Amino acid sequence: MITCYLKYVIDPYRTTEFEHYAKLWIPLVNRLGGTHHGYFLPHEGANNIALALFSFPSLADYENYRREMAADPECQEAFAYAEKTRCILSYERSFMRPVFE
């Protein structure tokens, strides 16, 4: 299993828009073969950092998701929403290997 860790720098005045964006992606990732573990929005501390975690059985499955996502109209709409609202200033993507026991 591989888990994608996304760290977003968001506009703290557009948290509502970012939350809408997040809610768009959860079912999309799940529909395209991943398991979304949720988004984590600012509460205490930094007001401009948000996180997301989602997993795929393998890196190859994640790469397949990326190809499907690029051609999926709903995914493109979600990207367009973020671009239009400018709720995301930047992001970092890392891949982790979870340990459960």
PDB file of N, CA and C in Angstrom:
ATOM      1  N   MET A   1       0.842  -1.182   0.000  1.00  0.00           N
ATOM      2  CA  MET A   1       0.000   0.000   0.000  1.00  0.00           C
ATOM      3  C   MET A   1       0.882   1.238   0.000  1.00  0.00           C
ATOM      4  N   ILE A   2       0.404   2.269  -0.681  1.00  0.00           N
ATOM      5  CA  ILE A   2       1.088   3.560  -0.727  1.00  0.00           C
ATOM      6  C   ILE A   2       0.069   4.639  -0.344  1.00  0.00           C
ATOM      7  N   THR A   3       0.489   5.557   0.513  1.00  0.00           N
ATOM      8  CA  THR A   3      -0.391   6.644   0.926  1.00  0.00           C
ATOM      9  C   THR A   3       0.181   7.957   0.441  1.00  0.00           C
ATOM     10  N   CYS A   4      -0.659   8.709  -0.229  1.00  0.00           N
ATOM     11  CA  CYS A   4      -0.287  10.041  -0.698  1.00  0.00           C
ATOM     12  C   CYS A   4      -0.626  11.037   0.404  1.00  0.00           C
ATOM     13  N   TYR A   5       0.373  11.820   0.774  1.00  0.00           N
ATOM     14  CA  TYR A   5       0.251  12.856   1.787  1.00  0.00           C
ATOM     15  C   TYR A   5       0.357  14.188   1.046  1.00  0.00           C
ATOM     16  N   LEU A   6      -0.684  14.978   1.130  1.00  0.00           N
ATOM     17  CA  LEU A   6      -0.687  16.299   0.496  1.00  0.00           C
ATOM     18  C   LEU A   6      -0.735  17.376   1.572  1.00  0.00           C
ATOM     19  N   LYS A   7       0.227  18.278   1.524  1.00  0.00           N
ATOM     20  CA  LYS A   7       0.233  19.431   2.413  1.00  0.00           C
ATOM     21  C   LYS A   7      -0.076  20.654   1.556  1.00  0.00           C
ATOM     22  N   TYR A   8      -1.169  21.306   1.886  1.00  0.00           N
ATOM     23  CA  TYR A   8      -1.612  22.482   1.146  1.00  0.00           C
ATOM     24  C   TYR A   8      -1.308  23.751   1.936  1.00  0.00           C
ATOM     25  N   VAL A   9      -0.886  24.772   1.252  1.00  0.00           N
ATOM     26  CA  VAL A   9      -0.885  26.120   1.790  1.00  0.00           C
ATOM     27  C   VAL A   9      -2.104  26.774   1.155  1.00  0.00           C
ATOM     28  N   ILE A  10      -3.048  27.130   2.011  1.00  0.00           N
ATOM     29  CA  ILE A  10      -4.322  27.666   1.518  1.00  0.00           C
ATOM     30  C   ILE A  10      -4.445  29.143   1.894  1.00  0.00           C
ATOM     31  N   ASP A  11      -5.327  29.816   1.197  1.00  0.00           N
ATOM     32  CA  ASP A  11      -5.651  31.198   1.550  1.00  0.00           C
ATOM     33  C   ASP A  11      -6.564  31.135   2.777  1.00  0.00           C
ATOM     34  N   PRO A  12      -6.146  31.657   3.921  1.00  0.00           N
ATOM     35  CA  PRO A  12      -6.967  31.541   5.124  1.00  0.00           C
ATOM     36  C   PRO A  12      -8.306  32.270   5.025  1.00  0.00           C
ATOM     37  N   TYR A  13      -8.455  33.138   4.049  1.00  0.00           N
ATOM     38  CA  TYR A  13      -9.724  33.819   3.840  1.00  0.00           C
ATOM     39  C   TYR A  13     -10.634  33.054   2.886  1.00  0.00           C
ATOM     40  N   ARG A  14     -10.159  31.911   2.400  1.00  0.00           N
ATOM     41  CA  ARG A  14     -10.934  31.086   1.478  1.00  0.00           C
ATOM     42  C   ARG A  14     -11.044  29.634   1.986  1.00  0.00           C
ATOM     43  N   THR A  15     -11.079  29.490   3.294  1.00  0.00           N
ATOM     44  CA  THR A  15     -11.194  28.158   3.880  1.00  0.00           C
ATOM     45  C   THR A  15     -12.494  27.482   3.476  1.00  0.00           C
ATOM     46  N   THR A  16     -13.564  28.232   3.393  1.00  0.00           N
ATOM     47  CA  THR A  16     -14.853  27.659   2.973  1.00  0.00           C
ATOM     48  C   THR A  16     -14.755  27.101   1.562  1.00  0.00           C
ATOM     49  N   GLU A  17     -14.097  27.826   0.679  1.00  0.00           N
ATOM     50  CA  GLU A  17     -13.931  27.357  -0.692  1.00  0.00           C
ATOM     51  C   GLU A  17     -13.041  26.116  -0.737  1.00  0.00           C
ATOM     52  N   PHE A  18     -11.985  26.107   0.085  1.00  0.00           N
ATOM     53  CA  PHE A  18     -11.118  24.927   0.119  1.00  0.00           C
ATOM     54  C   PHE A  18     -11.887  23.726   0.652  1.00  0.00           C
ATOM     55  N   GLU A  19     -12.714  23.911   1.649  1.00  0.00           N
ATOM     56  CA  GLU A  19     -13.507  22.791   2.175  1.00  0.00           C
ATOM     57  C   GLU A  19     -14.441  22.238   1.102  1.00  0.00           C
ATOM     58  N   HIS A  20     -15.023  23.094   0.299  1.00  0.00           N
ATOM     59  CA  HIS A  20     -15.866  22.633  -0.813  1.00  0.00           C
ATOM     60  C   HIS A  20     -15.024  21.808  -1.795  1.00  0.00           C
ATOM     61  N   TYR A  21     -13.844  22.307  -2.134  1.00  0.00           N
ATOM     62  CA  TYR A  21     -12.917  21.590  -3.014  1.00  0.00           C
ATOM     63  C   TYR A  21     -12.596  20.214  -2.440  1.00  0.00           C
ATOM     64  N   ALA A  22     -12.295  20.162  -1.158  1.00  0.00           N
ATOM     65  CA  ALA A  22     -11.971  18.893  -0.500  1.00  0.00           C
ATOM     66  C   ALA A  22     -13.125  17.900  -0.627  1.00  0.00           C
ATOM     67  N   LYS A  23     -14.326  18.370  -0.397  1.00  0.00           N
ATOM     68  CA  LYS A  23     -15.499  17.490  -0.471  1.00  0.00           C
ATOM     69  C   LYS A  23     -15.751  16.994  -1.890  1.00  0.00           C
ATOM     70  N   LEU A  24     -15.297  17.736  -2.895  1.00  0.00           N
ATOM     71  CA  LEU A  24     -15.406  17.266  -4.273  1.00  0.00           C
ATOM     72  C   LEU A  24     -14.486  16.066  -4.509  1.00  0.00           C
ATOM     73  N   TRP A  25     -13.262  16.104  -3.940  1.00  0.00           N
ATOM     74  CA  TRP A  25     -12.247  15.095  -4.236  1.00  0.00           C
ATOM     75  C   TRP A  25     -12.438  13.770  -3.516  1.00  0.00           C
ATOM     76  N   ILE A  26     -13.016  13.776  -2.342  1.00  0.00           N
ATOM     77  CA  ILE A  26     -13.135  12.522  -1.581  1.00  0.00           C
ATOM     78  C   ILE A  26     -13.853  11.446  -2.394  1.00  0.00           C
ATOM     79  N   PRO A  27     -15.043  11.693  -2.931  1.00  0.00           N
ATOM     80  CA  PRO A  27     -15.694  10.634  -3.718  1.00  0.00           C
ATOM     81  C   PRO A  27     -14.988  10.339  -5.034  1.00  0.00           C
ATOM     82  N   LEU A  28     -14.297  11.327  -5.607  1.00  0.00           N
ATOM     83  CA  LEU A  28     -13.586  11.095  -6.860  1.00  0.00           C
ATOM     84  C   LEU A  28     -12.431  10.121  -6.660  1.00  0.00           C
ATOM     85  N   VAL A  29     -11.644  10.335  -5.624  1.00  0.00           N
ATOM     86  CA  VAL A  29     -10.528   9.417  -5.334  1.00  0.00           C
ATOM     87  C   VAL A  29     -11.072   8.023  -5.075  1.00  0.00           C
ATOM     88  N   ASN A  30     -12.126   7.926  -4.287  1.00  0.00           N
ATOM     89  CA  ASN A  30     -12.707   6.612  -3.983  1.00  0.00           C
ATOM     90  C   ASN A  30     -13.248   5.938  -5.241  1.00  0.00           C
ATOM     91  N   ARG A  31     -13.893   6.702  -6.106  1.00  0.00           N
ATOM     92  CA  ARG A  31     -14.444   6.143  -7.342  1.00  0.00           C
ATOM     93  C   ARG A  31     -13.348   5.641  -8.279  1.00  0.00           C
ATOM     94  N   LEU A  32     -12.192   6.300  -8.228  1.00  0.00           N
ATOM     95  CA  LEU A  32     -11.104   5.940  -9.132  1.00  0.00           C
ATOM     96  C   LEU A  32     -10.114   4.956  -8.504  1.00  0.00           C
ATOM     97  N   GLY A  33     -10.542   4.251  -7.470  1.00  0.00           N
ATOM     98  CA  GLY A  33      -9.756   3.137  -6.950  1.00  0.00           C
ATOM     99  C   GLY A  33      -8.954   3.382  -5.693  1.00  0.00           C
ATOM    100  N   GLY A  34      -9.005   4.586  -5.159  1.00  0.00           N
ATOM    101  CA  GLY A  34      -8.266   4.873  -3.937  1.00  0.00           C
ATOM    102  C   GLY A  34      -9.152   4.764  -2.708  1.00  0.00           C
ATOM    103  N   THR A  35      -8.536   4.946  -1.574  1.00  0.00           N
ATOM    104  CA  THR A  35      -9.242   5.052  -0.299  1.00  0.00           C
ATOM    105  C   THR A  35      -8.857   6.393   0.300  1.00  0.00           C
ATOM    106  N   HIS A  36      -9.818   7.301   0.345  1.00  0.00           N
ATOM    107  CA  HIS A  36      -9.536   8.640   0.873  1.00  0.00           C
ATOM    108  C   HIS A  36      -9.700   8.604   2.378  1.00  0.00           C
ATOM    109  N   HIS A  37      -8.704   9.142   3.084  1.00  0.00           N
ATOM    110  CA  HIS A  37      -8.723   9.172   4.550  1.00  0.00           C
ATOM    111  C   HIS A  37      -9.158  10.534   5.076  1.00  0.00           C
ATOM    112  N   GLY A  38      -9.492  11.432   4.195  1.00  0.00           N
ATOM    113  CA  GLY A  38     -10.016  12.723   4.601  1.00  0.00           C
ATOM    114  C   GLY A  38      -9.059  13.873   4.410  1.00  0.00           C
ATOM    115  N   TYR A  39      -9.631  15.052   4.557  1.00  0.00           N
ATOM    116  CA  TYR A  39      -8.888  16.309   4.561  1.00  0.00           C
ATOM    117  C   TYR A  39      -8.886  16.814   5.994  1.00  0.00           C
ATOM    118  N   PHE A  40      -7.849  17.537   6.343  1.00  0.00           N
ATOM    119  CA  PHE A  40      -7.694  18.070   7.683  1.00  0.00           C
ATOM    120  C   PHE A  40      -7.440  19.557   7.545  1.00  0.00           C
ATOM    121  N   LEU A  41      -8.422  20.353   7.983  1.00  0.00           N
ATOM    122  CA  LEU A  41      -8.377  21.800   7.806  1.00  0.00           C
ATOM    123  C   LEU A  41      -7.908  22.484   9.082  1.00  0.00           C
ATOM    124  N   PRO A  42      -7.444  23.730   8.969  1.00  0.00           N
ATOM    125  CA  PRO A  42      -6.944  24.454  10.142  1.00  0.00           C
ATOM    126  C   PRO A  42      -8.008  24.578  11.229  1.00  0.00           C
ATOM    127  N   HIS A  43      -7.530  24.426  12.456  1.00  0.00           N
ATOM    128  CA  HIS A  43      -8.408  24.637  13.608  1.00  0.00           C
ATOM    129  C   HIS A  43      -7.682  25.480  14.657  1.00  0.00           C
ATOM    130  N   GLU A  44      -6.580  24.964  15.170  1.00  0.00           N
ATOM    131  CA  GLU A  44      -5.697  25.702  16.073  1.00  0.00           C
ATOM    132  C   GLU A  44      -4.323  25.727  15.425  1.00  0.00           C
ATOM    133  N   GLY A  45      -3.553  26.724  15.712  1.00  0.00           N
ATOM    134  CA  GLY A  45      -2.223  26.816  15.120  1.00  0.00           C
ATOM    135  C   GLY A  45      -2.283  27.553  13.790  1.00  0.00           C
ATOM    136  N   ALA A  46      -1.457  27.104  12.855  1.00  0.00           N
ATOM    137  CA  ALA A  46      -1.390  27.765  11.547  1.00  0.00           C
ATOM    138  C   ALA A  46      -2.769  27.779  10.891  1.00  0.00           C
ATOM    139  N   ASN A  47      -3.147  28.934  10.356  1.00  0.00           N
ATOM    140  CA  ASN A  47      -4.473  29.060   9.730  1.00  0.00           C
ATOM    141  C   ASN A  47      -4.436  28.880   8.224  1.00  0.00           C
ATOM    142  N   ASN A  48      -3.272  28.494   7.685  1.00  0.00           N
ATOM    143  CA  ASN A  48      -3.147  28.389   6.237  1.00  0.00           C
ATOM    144  C   ASN A  48      -2.601  27.035   5.769  1.00  0.00           C
ATOM    145  N   ILE A  49      -2.629  26.041   6.642  1.00  0.00           N
ATOM    146  CA  ILE A  49      -2.139  24.707   6.296  1.00  0.00           C
ATOM    147  C   ILE A  49      -3.288  23.715   6.388  1.00  0.00           C
ATOM    148  N   ALA A  50      -3.449  22.921   5.328  1.00  0.00           N
ATOM    149  CA  ALA A  50      -4.438  21.841   5.306  1.00  0.00           C
ATOM    150  C   ALA A  50      -3.730  20.589   4.797  1.00  0.00           C
ATOM    151  N   LEU A  51      -4.231  19.448   5.182  1.00  0.00           N
ATOM    152  CA  LEU A  51      -3.637  18.170   4.792  1.00  0.00           C
ATOM    153  C   LEU A  51      -4.693  17.258   4.188  1.00  0.00           C
ATOM    154  N   ALA A  52      -4.230  16.332   3.361  1.00  0.00           N
ATOM    155  CA  ALA A  52      -5.090  15.274   2.824  1.00  0.00           C
ATOM    156  C   ALA A  52      -4.274  13.993   2.780  1.00  0.00           C
ATOM    157  N   LEU A  53      -4.933  12.874   3.020  1.00  0.00           N
ATOM    158  CA  LEU A  53      -4.312  11.555   2.946  1.00  0.00           C
ATOM    159  C   LEU A  53      -5.229  10.628   2.173  1.00  0.00           C
ATOM    160  N   PHE A  54      -4.651   9.913   1.205  1.00  0.00           N
ATOM    161  CA  PHE A  54      -5.408   8.867   0.524  1.00  0.00           C
ATOM    162  C   PHE A  54      -4.449   7.786   0.081  1.00  0.00           C
ATOM    163  N   SER A  55      -4.959   6.558   0.014  1.00  0.00           N
ATOM    164  CA  SER A  55      -4.111   5.394  -0.258  1.00  0.00           C
ATOM    165  C   SER A  55      -4.559   4.648  -1.496  1.00  0.00           C
ATOM    166  N   PHE A  56      -3.586   3.949  -2.078  1.00  0.00           N
ATOM    167  CA  PHE A  56      -3.814   3.032  -3.193  1.00  0.00           C
ATOM    168  C   PHE A  56      -3.060   1.744  -2.876  1.00  0.00           C
ATOM    169  N   PRO A  57      -3.514   0.636  -3.429  1.00  0.00           N
ATOM    170  CA  PRO A  57      -2.828  -0.633  -3.163  1.00  0.00           C
ATOM    171  C   PRO A  57      -1.348  -0.624  -3.554  1.00  0.00           C
ATOM    172  N   SER A  58      -0.987   0.173  -4.571  1.00  0.00           N
ATOM    173  CA  SER A  58       0.407   0.219  -5.022  1.00  0.00           C
ATOM    174  C   SER A  58       0.655   1.543  -5.734  1.00  0.00           C
ATOM    175  N   LEU A  59       1.920   1.844  -5.968  1.00  0.00           N
ATOM    176  CA  LEU A  59       2.263   3.043  -6.723  1.00  0.00           C
ATOM    177  C   LEU A  59       1.755   2.931  -8.157  1.00  0.00           C
ATOM    178  N   ALA A  60       1.757   1.737  -8.722  1.00  0.00           N
ATOM    179  CA  ALA A  60       1.217   1.529 -10.077  1.00  0.00           C
ATOM    180  C   ALA A  60      -0.269   1.879 -10.116  1.00  0.00           C
ATOM    181  N   ASP A  61      -1.013   1.507  -9.069  1.00  0.00           N
ATOM    182  CA  ASP A  61      -2.439   1.854  -9.008  1.00  0.00           C
ATOM    183  C   ASP A  61      -2.616   3.371  -8.911  1.00  0.00           C
ATOM    184  N   TYR A  62      -1.742   4.031  -8.159  1.00  0.00           N
ATOM    185  CA  TYR A  62      -1.800   5.487  -8.068  1.00  0.00           C
ATOM    186  C   TYR A  62      -1.529   6.111  -9.438  1.00  0.00           C
ATOM    187  N   GLU A  63      -0.545   5.602 -10.140  1.00  0.00           N
ATOM    188  CA  GLU A  63      -0.231   6.134 -11.463  1.00  0.00           C
ATOM    189  C   GLU A  63      -1.401   5.934 -12.424  1.00  0.00           C
ATOM    190  N   ASN A  64      -2.100   4.807 -12.317  1.00  0.00           N
ATOM    191  CA  ASN A  64      -3.298   4.578 -13.126  1.00  0.00           C
ATOM    192  C   ASN A  64      -4.377   5.610 -12.768  1.00  0.00           C
ATOM    193  N   TYR A  65      -4.547   5.874 -11.489  1.00  0.00           N
ATOM    194  CA  TYR A  65      -5.490   6.896 -11.026  1.00  0.00           C
ATOM    195  C   TYR A  65      -5.160   8.250 -11.659  1.00  0.00           C
ATOM    196  N   ARG A  66      -3.875   8.602 -11.694  1.00  0.00           N
ATOM    197  CA  ARG A  66      -3.477   9.883 -12.284  1.00  0.00           C
ATOM    198  C   ARG A  66      -3.860   9.967 -13.762  1.00  0.00           C
ATOM    199  N   ARG A  67      -3.701   8.858 -14.482  1.00  0.00           N
ATOM    200  CA  ARG A  67      -4.092   8.849 -15.907  1.00  0.00           C
ATOM    201  C   ARG A  67      -5.603   8.999 -16.046  1.00  0.00           C
ATOM    202  N   GLU A  68      -6.349   8.246 -15.251  1.00  0.00           N
ATOM    203  CA  GLU A  68      -7.817   8.323 -15.312  1.00  0.00           C
ATOM    204  C   GLU A  68      -8.302   9.702 -14.885  1.00  0.00           C
ATOM    205  N   MET A  69      -7.686  10.257 -13.859  1.00  0.00           N
ATOM    206  CA  MET A  69      -8.069  11.562 -13.346  1.00  0.00           C
ATOM    207  C   MET A  69      -7.902  12.636 -14.424  1.00  0.00           C
ATOM    208  N   ALA A  70      -6.845  12.548 -15.193  1.00  0.00           N
ATOM    209  CA  ALA A  70      -6.576  13.549 -16.232  1.00  0.00           C
ATOM    210  C   ALA A  70      -7.656  13.579 -17.298  1.00  0.00           C
ATOM    211  N   ALA A  71      -8.339  12.458 -17.485  1.00  0.00           N
ATOM    212  CA  ALA A  71      -9.383  12.374 -18.515  1.00  0.00           C
ATOM    213  C   ALA A  71     -10.795  12.476 -17.946  1.00  0.00           C
ATOM    214  N   ASP A  72     -10.921  12.559 -16.639  1.00  0.00           N
ATOM    215  CA  ASP A  72     -12.236  12.527 -15.994  1.00  0.00           C
ATOM    216  C   ASP A  72     -12.826  13.941 -15.903  1.00  0.00           C
ATOM    217  N   PRO A  73     -14.014  14.164 -16.460  1.00  0.00           N
ATOM    218  CA  PRO A  73     -14.616  15.501 -16.440  1.00  0.00           C
ATOM    219  C   PRO A  73     -14.863  16.048 -15.033  1.00  0.00           C
ATOM    220  N   GLU A  74     -15.283  15.200 -14.095  1.00  0.00           N
ATOM    221  CA  GLU A  74     -15.534  15.679 -12.735  1.00  0.00           C
ATOM    222  C   GLU A  74     -14.237  16.111 -12.054  1.00  0.00           C
ATOM    223  N   CYS A  75     -13.162  15.400 -12.302  1.00  0.00           N
ATOM    224  CA  CYS A  75     -11.861  15.787 -11.748  1.00  0.00           C
ATOM    225  C   CYS A  75     -11.417  17.120 -12.327  1.00  0.00           C
ATOM    226  N   GLN A  76     -11.612  17.306 -13.611  1.00  0.00           N
ATOM    227  CA  GLN A  76     -11.231  18.561 -14.246  1.00  0.00           C
ATOM    228  C   GLN A  76     -12.060  19.723 -13.708  1.00  0.00           C
ATOM    229  N   GLU A  77     -13.340  19.466 -13.404  1.00  0.00           N
ATOM    230  CA  GLU A  77     -14.188  20.497 -12.795  1.00  0.00           C
ATOM    231  C   GLU A  77     -13.670  20.881 -11.414  1.00  0.00           C
ATOM    232  N   ALA A  78     -13.218  19.893 -10.640  1.00  0.00           N
ATOM    233  CA  ALA A  78     -12.681  20.176  -9.305  1.00  0.00           C
ATOM    234  C   ALA A  78     -11.416  21.022  -9.412  1.00  0.00           C
ATOM    235  N   PHE A  79     -10.525  20.677 -10.332  1.00  0.00           N
ATOM    236  CA  PHE A  79      -9.326  21.486 -10.551  1.00  0.00           C
ATOM    237  C   PHE A  79      -9.701  22.915 -10.946  1.00  0.00           C
ATOM    238  N   ALA A  80     -10.677  23.042 -11.827  1.00  0.00           N
ATOM    239  CA  ALA A  80     -11.105  24.366 -12.292  1.00  0.00           C
ATOM    240  C   ALA A  80     -11.686  25.192 -11.146  1.00  0.00           C
ATOM    241  N   TYR A  81     -12.416  24.533 -10.241  1.00  0.00           N
ATOM    242  CA  TYR A  81     -12.980  25.236  -9.083  1.00  0.00           C
ATOM    243  C   TYR A  81     -11.858  25.830  -8.229  1.00  0.00           C
ATOM    244  N   ALA A  82     -10.817  25.043  -7.944  1.00  0.00           N
ATOM    245  CA  ALA A  82      -9.698  25.540  -7.137  1.00  0.00           C
ATOM    246  C   ALA A  82      -8.997  26.696  -7.843  1.00  0.00           C
ATOM    247  N   GLU A  83      -8.837  26.567  -9.131  1.00  0.00           N
ATOM    248  CA  GLU A  83      -8.182  27.637  -9.893  1.00  0.00           C
ATOM    249  C   GLU A  83      -9.030  28.908  -9.878  1.00  0.00           C
ATOM    250  N   LYS A  84     -10.340  28.740 -10.055  1.00  0.00           N
ATOM    251  CA  LYS A  84     -11.242  29.894 -10.083  1.00  0.00           C
ATOM    252  C   LYS A  84     -11.281  30.603  -8.727  1.00  0.00           C
ATOM    253  N   THR A  85     -11.355  29.832  -7.644  1.00  0.00           N
ATOM    254  CA  THR A  85     -11.470  30.436  -6.314  1.00  0.00           C
ATOM    255  C   THR A  85     -10.122  30.820  -5.719  1.00  0.00           C
ATOM    256  N   ARG A  86      -9.034  30.276  -6.270  1.00  0.00           N
ATOM    257  CA  ARG A  86      -7.680  30.555  -5.794  1.00  0.00           C
ATOM    258  C   ARG A  86      -7.535  30.269  -4.303  1.00  0.00           C
ATOM    259  N   CYS A  87      -8.210  29.194  -3.856  1.00  0.00           N
ATOM    260  CA  CYS A  87      -8.156  28.819  -2.445  1.00  0.00           C
ATOM    261  C   CYS A  87      -6.855  28.104  -2.087  1.00  0.00           C
ATOM    262  N   ILE A  88      -6.160  27.549  -3.082  1.00  0.00           N
ATOM    263  CA  ILE A  88      -4.892  26.853  -2.852  1.00  0.00           C
ATOM    264  C   ILE A  88      -3.761  27.741  -3.356  1.00  0.00           C
ATOM    265  N   LEU A  89      -2.819  28.038  -2.474  1.00  0.00           N
ATOM    266  CA  LEU A  89      -1.667  28.845  -2.868  1.00  0.00           C
ATOM    267  C   LEU A  89      -0.535  27.963  -3.373  1.00  0.00           C
ATOM    268  N   SER A  90      -0.338  26.816  -2.721  1.00  0.00           N
ATOM    269  CA  SER A  90       0.666  25.847  -3.154  1.00  0.00           C
ATOM    270  C   SER A  90       0.403  24.530  -2.441  1.00  0.00           C
ATOM    271  N   TYR A  91       1.097  23.484  -2.900  1.00  0.00           N
ATOM    272  CA  TYR A  91       0.974  22.195  -2.226  1.00  0.00           C
ATOM    273  C   TYR A  91       2.243  21.387  -2.425  1.00  0.00           C
ATOM    274  N   GLU A  92       2.431  20.415  -1.528  1.00  0.00           N
ATOM    275  CA  GLU A  92       3.526  19.459  -1.602  1.00  0.00           C
ATOM    276  C   GLU A  92       2.920  18.063  -1.565  1.00  0.00           C
ATOM    277  N   ARG A  93       3.452  17.174  -2.376  1.00  0.00           N
ATOM    278  CA  ARG A  93       2.946  15.801  -2.421  1.00  0.00           C
ATOM    279  C   ARG A  93       4.094  14.863  -2.058  1.00  0.00           C
ATOM    280  N   SER A  94       3.832  13.967  -1.099  1.00  0.00           N
ATOM    281  CA  SER A  94       4.786  12.938  -0.705  1.00  0.00           C
ATOM    282  C   SER A  94       4.074  11.605  -0.658  1.00  0.00           C
ATOM    283  N   PHE A  95       4.835  10.538  -0.770  1.00  0.00           N
ATOM    284  CA  PHE A  95       4.263   9.200  -0.690  1.00  0.00           C
ATOM    285  C   PHE A  95       4.845   8.487   0.515  1.00  0.00           C
ATOM    286  N   MET A  96       3.963   7.878   1.266  1.00  0.00           N
ATOM    287  CA  MET A  96       4.346   7.195   2.495  1.00  0.00           C
ATOM    288  C   MET A  96       3.924   5.731   2.430  1.00  0.00           C
ATOM    289  N   ARG A  97       4.602   4.936   3.209  1.00  0.00           N
ATOM    290  CA  ARG A  97       4.252   3.532   3.372  1.00  0.00           C
ATOM    291  C   ARG A  97       3.727   3.378   4.788  1.00  0.00           C
ATOM    292  N   PRO A  98       2.430   3.098   4.945  1.00  0.00           N
ATOM    293  CA  PRO A  98       1.881   3.013   6.299  1.00  0.00           C
ATOM    294  C   PRO A  98       2.364   1.766   7.048  1.00  0.00           C
ATOM    295  N   VAL A  99       2.467   1.919   8.350  1.00  0.00           N
ATOM    296  CA  VAL A  99       2.782   0.819   9.257  1.00  0.00           C
ATOM    297  C   VAL A  99       1.647   0.759  10.274  1.00  0.00           C
ATOM    298  N   PHE A 100       0.981  -0.363  10.353  1.00  0.00           N
ATOM    299  CA  PHE A 100      -0.171  -0.500  11.233  1.00  0.00           C
ATOM    300  C   PHE A 100       0.114  -1.336  12.476  1.00  0.00           C
ATOM    301  N   GLU A 101       1.149  -2.147  12.469  1.00  0.00           N
ATOM    302  CA  GLU A 101       1.451  -2.980  13.638  1.00  0.00           C
ATOM    303  C   GLU A 101       2.926  -2.933  13.941  1.00  0.00           C
TER     304      GLU A 101
END
